[in-house]
C-alpha atoms as a PDB file:
ATOM      1  CA  MET A   1    -109.550 119.237-285.934  1.00  0.00           C
ATOM      2  CA  LYS A   2    -112.251 117.362-287.758  1.00  0.00           C
ATOM      3  CA  ASP A   3    -111.868 119.584-290.828  1.00  0.00           C
ATOM      4  CA  ILE A   4    -108.094 119.056-290.853  1.00  0.00           C
ATOM      5  CA  MET A   5    -108.577 115.281-290.692  1.00  0.00           C
ATOM      6  CA  LYS A   6    -111.068 115.382-293.572  1.00  0.00           C
ATOM      7  CA  THR A   7    -108.790 117.544-295.703  1.00  0.00           C
ATOM      8  CA  PHE A   8    -105.745 115.422-294.918  1.00  0.00           C
ATOM      9  CA  ALA A   9    -107.666 112.195-295.502  1.00  0.00           C
ATOM     10  CA  GLY A  10    -109.055 113.568-298.758  1.00  0.00           C
ATOM     11  CA  SER A  11    -105.642 114.529-300.132  1.00  0.00           C
ATOM     12  CA  ILE A  12    -104.146 111.169-299.204  1.00  0.00           C
ATOM     13  CA  ALA A  13    -107.135 109.314-300.611  1.00  0.00           C
ATOM     14  CA  LYS A  14    -106.611 110.987-303.980  1.00  0.00           C
ATOM     15  CA  SER A  15    -102.925 110.066-304.126  1.00  0.00           C
ATOM     16  CA  ILE A  16    -103.504 106.517-302.851  1.00  0.00           C
ATOM     17  CA  SER A  17    -106.398 104.406-303.961  1.00  0.00           C
ATOM     18  CA  PHE A  18    -107.946 104.131-300.475  1.00  0.00           C
ATOM     19  CA  THR A  19    -111.397 105.377-299.578  1.00  0.00           C
ATOM     20  CA  LYS A  20    -111.827 108.184-297.048  1.00  0.00           C
ATOM     21  CA  SER A  21    -113.028 105.718-294.432  1.00  0.00           C
ATOM     22  CA  GLU A  22    -110.004 103.493-294.902  1.00  0.00           C
ATOM     23  CA  ILE A  23    -107.660 106.468-294.593  1.00  0.00           C
ATOM     24  CA  ARG A  24    -109.376 107.556-291.371  1.00  0.00           C
ATOM     25  CA  VAL A  25    -108.941 104.088-289.901  1.00  0.00           C
ATOM     26  CA  ILE A  26    -105.259 104.009-290.896  1.00  0.00           C
ATOM     27  CA  LEU A  27    -104.688 107.452-289.359  1.00  0.00           C
ATOM     28  CA  PHE A  28    -106.503 106.484-286.171  1.00  0.00           C
ATOM     29  CA  ILE A  29    -104.410 103.304-285.797  1.00  0.00           C
ATOM     30  CA  SER A  30    -101.192 105.231-286.529  1.00  0.00           C
ATOM     31  CA  ILE A  31    -101.984 107.896-283.945  1.00  0.00           C
ATOM     32  CA  SER A  32    -102.984 105.281-281.359  1.00  0.00           C
ATOM     33  CA  VAL A  33     -99.785 103.287-281.842  1.00  0.00           C
ATOM     34  CA  THR A  34     -97.637 106.423-281.685  1.00  0.00           C
ATOM     35  CA  ALA A  35     -99.403 107.569-278.510  1.00  0.00           C
ATOM     36  CA  GLY A  36     -98.938 104.133-276.935  1.00  0.00           C
ATOM     37  CA  PHE A  37     -95.214 104.081-277.660  1.00  0.00           C
ATOM     38  CA  SER A  38     -94.879 107.635-276.362  1.00  0.00           C
ATOM     39  CA  VAL A  39     -96.563 106.736-273.071  1.00  0.00           C
ATOM     40  CA  LYS A  40     -94.439 103.620-272.700  1.00  0.00           C
ATOM     41  CA  TYR A  41     -91.254 105.564-273.406  1.00  0.00           C
ATOM     42  CA  TYR A  42     -92.207 108.322-270.935  1.00  0.00           C
ATOM     43  CA  LYS A  43     -92.939 105.742-268.218  1.00  0.00           C
ATOM     44  CA  SER A  44     -89.596 104.043-268.792  1.00  0.00           C
ATOM     45  CA  LEU A  45     -87.810 107.386-268.338  1.00  0.00           C
ATOM     46  CA  SER A  46     -89.705 108.406-265.224  1.00  0.00           C
ATOM     47  CA  GLU A  47     -89.489 105.105-263.316  1.00  0.00           C
ATOM     48  CA  ASP A  48     -86.732 104.676-260.784  1.00  0.00           C
ATOM     49  CA  ARG A  49     -85.142 101.441-261.745  1.00  0.00           C
ATOM     50  CA  VAL A  50     -83.230  99.604-259.113  1.00  0.00           C
ATOM     51  CA  ILE A  51     -81.070  96.976-260.707  1.00  0.00           C
ATOM     52  CA  THR A  52     -79.883  94.399-258.253  1.00  0.00           C
ATOM     53  CA  ALA A  53     -77.277  91.846-259.114  1.00  0.00           C
ATOM     54  CA  TYR A  54     -78.165  88.229-258.524  1.00  0.00           C
ATOM     55  CA  ASP A  55     -76.245  86.650-255.687  1.00  0.00           C
ATOM     56  CA  PHE A  56     -74.790  83.364-256.919  1.00  0.00           C
ATOM     57  CA  SER A  57     -73.132  82.461-253.618  1.00  0.00           C
ATOM     58  CA  ARG A  58     -76.024  80.222-252.525  1.00  0.00           C
ATOM     59  CA  SER A  59     -76.119  78.267-255.787  1.00  0.00           C
ATOM     60  CA  ASP A  60     -72.307  77.999-255.778  1.00  0.00           C
ATOM     61  CA  SER A  61     -72.325  76.552-252.268  1.00  0.00           C
ATOM     62  CA  VAL A  62     -75.042  74.064-253.235  1.00  0.00           C
ATOM     63  CA  PHE A  63     -72.991  73.050-256.275  1.00  0.00           C
ATOM     64  CA  ARG A  64     -69.856  72.564-254.172  1.00  0.00           C
ATOM     65  CA  GLU A  65     -71.762  70.568-251.578  1.00  0.00           C
ATOM     66  CA  LYS A  66     -73.312  68.223-254.152  1.00  0.00           C
ATOM     67  CA  SER A  67     -69.986  67.849-255.953  1.00  0.00           C
ATOM     68  CA  MET A  68     -68.291  66.948-252.698  1.00  0.00           C
ATOM     69  CA  LYS A  69     -70.931  64.324-251.924  1.00  0.00           C
ATOM     70  CA  ILE A  70     -70.600  62.746-255.348  1.00  0.00           C
ATOM     71  CA  TYR A  71     -66.824  62.646-255.494  1.00  0.00           C
ATOM     72  CA  ALA A  72     -66.123  62.005-251.845  1.00  0.00           C
ATOM     73  CA  GLY A  73     -68.394  59.013-252.029  1.00  0.00           C
ATOM     74  CA  ASN A  74     -70.296  60.128-248.932  1.00  0.00           C
ATOM     75  CA  LYS A  75     -67.660  58.357-246.811  1.00  0.00           C
ATOM     76  CA  ASN A  76     -67.210  61.058-244.251  1.00  0.00           C
ATOM     77  CA  GLU A  77     -69.591  64.000-244.200  1.00  0.00           C
ATOM     78  CA  ASN A  78     -67.370  65.938-241.781  1.00  0.00           C
ATOM     79  CA  THR A  79     -64.504  66.110-244.269  1.00  0.00           C
ATOM     80  CA  GLN A  80     -66.774  67.559-246.965  1.00  0.00           C
ATOM     81  CA  ASN A  81     -66.692  71.013-245.430  1.00  0.00           C
ATOM     82  CA  THR A  82     -62.916  71.089-245.023  1.00  0.00           C
ATOM     83  CA  ALA A  83     -61.915  69.603-248.379  1.00  0.00           C
ATOM     84  CA  ASP A  84     -59.889  71.759-250.733  1.00  0.00           C
ATOM     85  CA  GLU A  85     -62.032  73.209-253.545  1.00  0.00           C
ATOM     86  CA  ARG A  86     -59.217  72.876-256.053  1.00  0.00           C
ATOM     87  CA  SER A  87     -59.084  69.124-255.589  1.00  0.00           C
ATOM     88  CA  VAL A  88     -62.824  68.918-256.136  1.00  0.00           C
ATOM     89  CA  TYR A  89     -62.575  70.870-259.382  1.00  0.00           C
ATOM     90  CA  LYS A  90     -59.643  68.712-260.504  1.00  0.00           C
ATOM     91  CA  MET A  91     -61.746  65.621-259.835  1.00  0.00           C
ATOM     92  CA  LEU A  92     -64.610  67.182-261.805  1.00  0.00           C
ATOM     93  CA  GLU A  93     -62.366  67.818-264.794  1.00  0.00           C
ATOM     94  CA  ALA A  94     -60.689  64.412-264.604  1.00  0.00           C
ATOM     95  CA  SER A  95     -63.871  62.418-264.265  1.00  0.00           C
ATOM     96  CA  GLY A  96     -65.528  63.720-267.418  1.00  0.00           C
ATOM     97  CA  ASP A  97     -68.980  62.211-267.522  1.00  0.00           C
ATOM     98  CA  SER A  98     -68.845  60.263-264.261  1.00  0.00           C
ATOM     99  CA  VAL A  99     -71.661  62.401-262.863  1.00  0.00           C
ATOM    100  CA  ARG A 100     -73.935  61.111-265.611  1.00  0.00           C
ATOM    101  CA  ARG A 101     -72.760  57.553-264.927  1.00  0.00           C
ATOM    102  CA  ILE A 102     -73.486  57.935-261.215  1.00  0.00           C
ATOM    103  CA  GLU A 103     -76.942  59.361-261.930  1.00  0.00           C
ATOM    104  CA  LYS A 104     -77.630  56.524-264.376  1.00  0.00           C
ATOM    105  CA  LEU A 105     -76.538  53.906-261.847  1.00  0.00           C
ATOM    106  CA  SER A 106     -78.715  55.388-259.133  1.00  0.00           C
ATOM    107  CA  ALA A 107     -81.666  55.577-261.539  1.00  0.00           C
ATOM    108  CA  ASP A 108     -81.136  51.954-262.608  1.00  0.00           C
ATOM    109  CA  ASN A 109     -81.051  50.752-258.984  1.00  0.00           C
ATOM    110  CA  GLU A 110     -84.352  52.382-258.078  1.00  0.00           C
ATOM    111  CA  PRO A 111     -87.373  50.092-258.288  1.00  0.00           C
ATOM    112  CA  PRO A 112     -89.827  51.022-261.031  1.00  0.00           C
ATOM    113  CA  ASP A 113     -93.001  52.889-260.119  1.00  0.00           C
ATOM    114  CA  PHE A 114     -95.072  50.653-262.390  1.00  0.00           C
ATOM    115  CA  THR A 115     -94.768  47.604-264.618  1.00  0.00           C
ATOM    116  CA  VAL A 116     -96.441  46.925-267.933  1.00  0.00           C
ATOM    117  CA  ASP A 117     -97.378  43.437-269.074  1.00  0.00           C
ATOM    118  CA  LEU A 118     -96.575  43.268-272.776  1.00  0.00           C
ATOM    119  CA  ASN A 119     -99.215  40.571-273.361  1.00  0.00           C
ATOM    120  CA  THR A 120    -102.163  42.498-271.919  1.00  0.00           C
ATOM    121  CA  ALA A 121    -101.276  46.214-272.089  1.00  0.00           C
ATOM    122  CA  GLY A 122    -103.271  48.634-274.188  1.00  0.00           C
ATOM    123  CA  ILE A 123    -102.069  51.731-276.002  1.00  0.00           C
ATOM    124  CA  GLU A 124    -102.498  53.961-272.944  1.00  0.00           C
ATOM    125  CA  GLU A 125    -100.332  51.727-270.747  1.00  0.00           C
ATOM    126  CA  LEU A 126     -97.664  51.275-273.417  1.00  0.00           C
ATOM    127  CA  THR A 127     -97.335  55.025-274.029  1.00  0.00           C
ATOM    128  CA  GLU A 128     -96.364  55.457-270.364  1.00  0.00           C
ATOM    129  CA  LEU A 129     -93.121  53.626-271.130  1.00  0.00           C
ATOM    130  CA  PRO A 130     -90.088  55.843-271.805  1.00  0.00           C
ATOM    131  CA  GLY A 131     -89.612  56.459-275.525  1.00  0.00           C
ATOM    132  CA  VAL A 132     -92.925  54.924-276.590  1.00  0.00           C
ATOM    133  CA  GLY A 133     -95.487  57.010-278.411  1.00  0.00           C
ATOM    134  CA  GLU A 134     -98.797  55.993-279.923  1.00  0.00           C
ATOM    135  CA  ALA A 135     -97.235  54.773-283.177  1.00  0.00           C
ATOM    136  CA  ILE A 136     -94.805  52.411-281.451  1.00  0.00           C
ATOM    137  CA  ALA A 137     -97.528  51.271-279.035  1.00  0.00           C
ATOM    138  CA  GLU A 138     -99.680  50.329-282.021  1.00  0.00           C
ATOM    139  CA  ARG A 139     -96.745  48.401-283.535  1.00  0.00           C
ATOM    140  CA  ILE A 140     -96.248  46.524-280.258  1.00  0.00           C
ATOM    141  CA  ILE A 141     -99.915  45.522-280.199  1.00  0.00           C
ATOM    142  CA  SER A 142     -99.795  44.513-283.890  1.00  0.00           C
ATOM    143  CA  TYR A 143     -96.699  42.376-283.232  1.00  0.00           C
ATOM    144  CA  ARG A 144     -98.391  40.795-280.185  1.00  0.00           C
ATOM    145  CA  ASN A 145    -101.540  40.003-282.208  1.00  0.00           C
ATOM    146  CA  ALA A 146     -99.515  38.521-285.070  1.00  0.00           C
ATOM    147  CA  ASN A 147     -97.371  36.315-282.801  1.00  0.00           C
ATOM    148  CA  LYS A 148    -100.056  35.461-280.217  1.00  0.00           C
ATOM    149  CA  ARG A 149     -97.949  36.781-277.287  1.00  0.00           C
ATOM    150  CA  PHE A 150     -94.525  37.864-276.077  1.00  0.00           C
ATOM    151  CA  ILE A 151     -92.505  34.962-274.649  1.00  0.00           C
ATOM    152  CA  ASN A 152     -89.980  37.265-272.962  1.00  0.00           C
ATOM    153  CA  ILE A 153     -89.424  41.010-272.829  1.00  0.00           C
ATOM    154  CA  SER A 154     -86.340  40.952-275.073  1.00  0.00           C
ATOM    155  CA  GLU A 155     -88.621  39.888-277.923  1.00  0.00           C
ATOM    156  CA  LEU A 156     -89.835  43.498-277.889  1.00  0.00           C
ATOM    157  CA  MET A 157     -86.702  44.507-279.840  1.00  0.00           C
ATOM    158  CA  LYS A 158     -88.192  42.752-282.880  1.00  0.00           C
ATOM    159  CA  VAL A 159     -90.788  45.518-283.092  1.00  0.00           C
ATOM    160  CA  LYS A 160     -89.853  48.196-285.623  1.00  0.00           C
ATOM    161  CA  GLY A 161     -88.668  51.356-283.855  1.00  0.00           C
ATOM    162  CA  ILE A 162     -87.361  49.669-280.721  1.00  0.00           C
ATOM    163  CA  GLY A 163     -83.619  49.194-280.639  1.00  0.00           C
ATOM    164  CA  ARG A 164     -81.197  48.283-277.886  1.00  0.00           C
ATOM    165  CA  LYS A 165     -81.023  51.784-276.386  1.00  0.00           C
ATOM    166  CA  LYS A 166     -84.777  52.258-276.219  1.00  0.00           C
ATOM    167  CA  PHE A 167     -85.228  48.738-274.865  1.00  0.00           C
ATOM    168  CA  ASP A 168     -82.622  49.345-272.137  1.00  0.00           C
ATOM    169  CA  LYS A 169     -84.510  52.465-271.020  1.00  0.00           C
ATOM    170  CA  MET A 170     -87.812  50.649-270.687  1.00  0.00           C
ATOM    171  CA  LYS A 171     -86.864  47.092-269.676  1.00  0.00           C
ATOM    172  CA  LYS A 172     -87.171  47.685-265.927  1.00  0.00           C
ATOM    173  CA  TYR A 173     -90.846  48.578-266.470  1.00  0.00           C
ATOM    174  CA  LEU A 174     -91.683  45.478-268.517  1.00  0.00           C
ATOM    175  CA  LYS A 175     -92.918  41.990-267.849  1.00  0.00           C
ATOM    176  CA  ALA A 176     -94.264  39.261-270.086  1.00  0.00           C
ATOM    177  CA  ASP A 177     -96.586  36.951-268.144  1.00  0.00           C
END
């Protein structure tokens, strides 16, 4: 076997400008890769694969239940189970993005977990605000240093990179004492 490898490597080395050692390495890698794929292929043929279909009934029932709660307004929980599914789907189609509006309203009504004082906050505190990275935090601090302090939180929209949308997302977390 060794003699065959040397002869084969020698003939290839002459036709290609590789050394004998390089050819041996290339052959070894080629044989190893081929053997690996062969073993993998053989294992895939010999394994008994049991393919089970995912049961979506649980997730469908959760979806229906949440949809019923949203669109029934949680008025009567007993009627949720007996409501006609077609009417729920019609309400879903008719309402368009009302789910997002309901989620936004519920998120806006929740008290904030933390508040940030614009006149004393450092970069670390400012980057905890939604939509604020280090660059905007540095601009907020630069604006605060240039103008001595923030008089009210709406003054934050004068900082470059903070528009109405970004301000609306973060205003419940802000204070200017």
